[in-house]
């Protein structure tokens, strides 16, 4: 099967944002896995060799660390290969192309729109609070006679 060749900058920003977002999730998952393995499996807590640790962060290299590191590396590698498939790459390239066509609002338009939304939410909140108070008193008078 012949792979479709892409230009180097074609969809670069969307592909990079998607990759690093998902790579962060893989890293988070492998850190969670490390915590689970370290706390649940006692044999994985022992260091592989005495004094063997990563110097900057002082993490002892034990079984839990090795397993979670392998999962992280394999996950990032699989993510990179998945992202290079033509279907996914075309989607990200098309997404970036569509985002370049978007007319983004100015800062003043964003401020004005935000003020309208906040004002409407405050008015709606007041209306609902007043209605709740009124109906609560109304039904308390009817049902409880007080």
Protein backbone atom coordinates (compact mmCIF):
# COMPACT_ATOMS: atom_id res chain seq x y z
CA UNK A 1 0.00 0.00 0.00
CA UNK A 2 1.40 3.36 -1.04
CA UNK A 3 1.45 6.02 1.66
CA UNK A 4 0.34 9.49 0.72
CA UNK A 5 3.21 11.97 0.89
CA UNK A 6 2.55 15.18 2.80
CA UNK A 7 4.41 18.43 2.58
CA UNK A 8 6.42 19.17 5.70
CA UNK A 9 4.34 22.19 6.80
CA UNK A 10 0.98 20.77 5.73
CA UNK A 11 -1.25 20.85 8.82
CA UNK A 12 1.80 21.25 11.06
CA UNK A 13 0.12 23.23 13.85
CA UNK A 14 -2.97 21.02 14.14
CA UNK A 15 -0.91 17.84 13.98
CA UNK A 16 1.54 19.12 16.58
CA UNK A 17 -1.23 20.31 18.95
CA UNK A 18 -3.06 16.99 18.63
CA UNK A 19 0.12 14.98 19.18
CA UNK A 20 1.29 16.84 22.28
CA UNK A 21 -2.19 16.91 23.80
CA UNK A 22 -2.51 13.15 23.47
CA UNK A 23 1.14 12.57 24.46
CA UNK A 24 0.41 14.47 27.70
CA UNK A 25 -2.50 12.09 28.35
CA UNK A 26 -0.23 9.08 27.72
CA UNK A 27 2.34 10.53 30.14
CA UNK A 28 -0.34 11.17 32.76
CA UNK A 29 -1.64 7.62 32.33
CA UNK A 30 1.81 6.12 32.73
CA UNK A 31 2.41 8.19 35.88
CA UNK A 32 -0.90 6.92 37.25
CA UNK A 33 0.13 3.37 36.34
CA UNK A 34 3.42 3.88 38.20
CA UNK A 35 1.54 4.97 41.32
CA UNK A 36 -0.78 1.97 41.11
CA UNK A 37 2.00 -0.53 40.53
CA UNK A 38 4.15 0.96 43.29
CA UNK A 39 1.35 0.91 45.84
CA UNK A 40 -0.29 -2.42 44.93
CA UNK A 41 2.61 -4.73 43.98
CA UNK A 42 5.19 -4.95 46.74
CA UNK A 43 7.81 -6.73 44.62
CA UNK A 44 7.92 -3.79 42.17
CA UNK A 45 8.91 -1.33 44.93
CA UNK A 46 12.43 -2.66 45.41
CA UNK A 47 15.18 -0.90 43.41
CA UNK A 48 16.71 -2.97 40.61
CA UNK A 49 20.19 -2.08 41.80
CA UNK A 50 21.39 -0.34 44.96
CA UNK A 51 22.08 3.35 44.35
CA UNK A 52 20.63 3.26 40.83
CA UNK A 53 18.44 6.32 40.39
CA UNK A 54 17.79 9.15 37.96
CA UNK A 55 20.06 11.96 39.18
CA UNK A 56 18.02 15.12 38.59
CA UNK A 57 14.67 13.95 39.95
CA UNK A 58 16.00 11.32 42.40
CA UNK A 59 13.63 8.60 41.22
CA UNK A 60 14.78 5.11 42.14
CA UNK A 61 14.69 2.77 39.18
CA UNK A 62 12.44 -0.08 40.25
CA UNK A 63 10.10 -2.50 38.50
CA UNK A 64 7.13 -0.11 38.61
CA UNK A 65 9.21 2.64 37.01
CA UNK A 66 10.49 0.37 34.25
CA UNK A 67 7.03 -0.95 33.39
CA UNK A 68 5.41 2.49 33.37
CA UNK A 69 8.28 3.92 31.31
CA UNK A 70 7.91 1.17 28.72
CA UNK A 71 4.15 1.79 28.56
CA UNK A 72 4.79 5.53 28.09
CA UNK A 73 7.36 5.05 25.32
CA UNK A 74 5.23 2.48 23.48
CA UNK A 75 2.16 4.69 23.89
CA UNK A 76 3.87 7.77 22.43
CA UNK A 77 5.33 5.68 19.59
CA UNK A 78 1.90 4.20 18.79
CA UNK A 79 0.34 7.66 18.98
CA UNK A 80 2.90 9.04 16.52
CA UNK A 81 2.35 6.16 14.09
CA UNK A 82 -1.44 6.46 14.41
CA UNK A 83 -1.25 10.17 13.68
CA UNK A 84 0.72 9.50 10.49
CA UNK A 85 -2.03 7.35 8.99
CA UNK A 86 -3.55 9.10 5.96
CA UNK A 87 -7.07 9.28 7.40
CA UNK A 88 -6.00 11.00 10.63
CA UNK A 89 -3.41 13.21 8.92
CA UNK A 90 -5.98 14.35 6.33
CA UNK A 91 -8.45 15.18 9.10
CA UNK A 92 -5.89 17.31 10.97
CA UNK A 93 -4.71 19.02 7.78
CA UNK A 94 -8.31 19.85 6.82
CA UNK A 95 -9.02 21.07 10.35
CA UNK A 96 -6.10 23.48 10.24
CA UNK A 97 -7.17 24.68 6.79
CA UNK A 98 -10.69 25.41 8.07
CA UNK A 99 -9.36 27.19 11.15
CA UNK A 100 -7.33 29.50 8.92
CA UNK A 101 -10.59 30.59 7.26
CA UNK A 102 -12.23 31.57 10.57
CA UNK A 103 -12.77 35.27 11.21
CA UNK A 104 -11.64 35.70 14.79
CA UNK A 105 -13.30 38.45 16.88
CA UNK A 106 -11.42 41.52 18.05
CA UNK A 107 -10.74 42.05 21.75
CA UNK A 108 -13.48 44.69 21.97
CA UNK A 109 -16.02 42.29 20.43
CA UNK A 110 -15.02 39.61 22.94
CA UNK A 111 -15.39 42.03 25.86
CA UNK A 112 -18.80 43.27 24.64
CA UNK A 113 -20.09 39.75 24.05
CA UNK A 114 -18.82 38.59 27.45
CA UNK A 115 -20.53 41.53 29.18
CA UNK A 116 -23.83 40.69 27.47
CA UNK A 117 -23.55 37.04 28.56
CA UNK A 118 -22.65 37.92 32.17
CA UNK A 119 -25.50 40.48 32.36
CA UNK A 120 -28.00 37.99 30.97
CA UNK A 121 -26.85 35.30 33.42
CA UNK A 122 -27.22 37.71 36.36
CA UNK A 123 -30.72 38.73 35.23
CA UNK A 124 -31.74 35.10 34.71
CA UNK A 125 -30.27 34.14 38.09
CA UNK A 126 -32.26 36.91 39.78
CA UNK A 127 -35.45 35.89 37.99
CA UNK A 128 -35.04 32.21 38.94
CA UNK A 129 -34.14 33.05 42.55
CA UNK A 130 -37.15 35.36 42.85
CA UNK A 131 -39.47 32.80 41.27
CA UNK A 132 -38.13 30.07 43.57
CA UNK A 133 -38.62 32.28 46.65
CA UNK A 134 -42.15 33.29 45.57
CA UNK A 135 -43.27 29.74 44.71
CA UNK A 136 -41.75 28.37 47.90
CA UNK A 137 -43.67 30.84 50.04
CA UNK A 138 -46.85 30.39 47.96
CA UNK A 139 -46.89 26.61 48.28
CA UNK A 140 -45.82 26.72 51.93
CA UNK A 141 -48.86 28.93 52.63
CA UNK A 142 -51.18 26.61 50.67
CA UNK A 143 -49.83 23.28 51.93
CA UNK A 144 -48.78 24.17 55.46
CA UNK A 145 -51.16 27.05 56.10
CA UNK A 146 -48.36 29.23 57.44
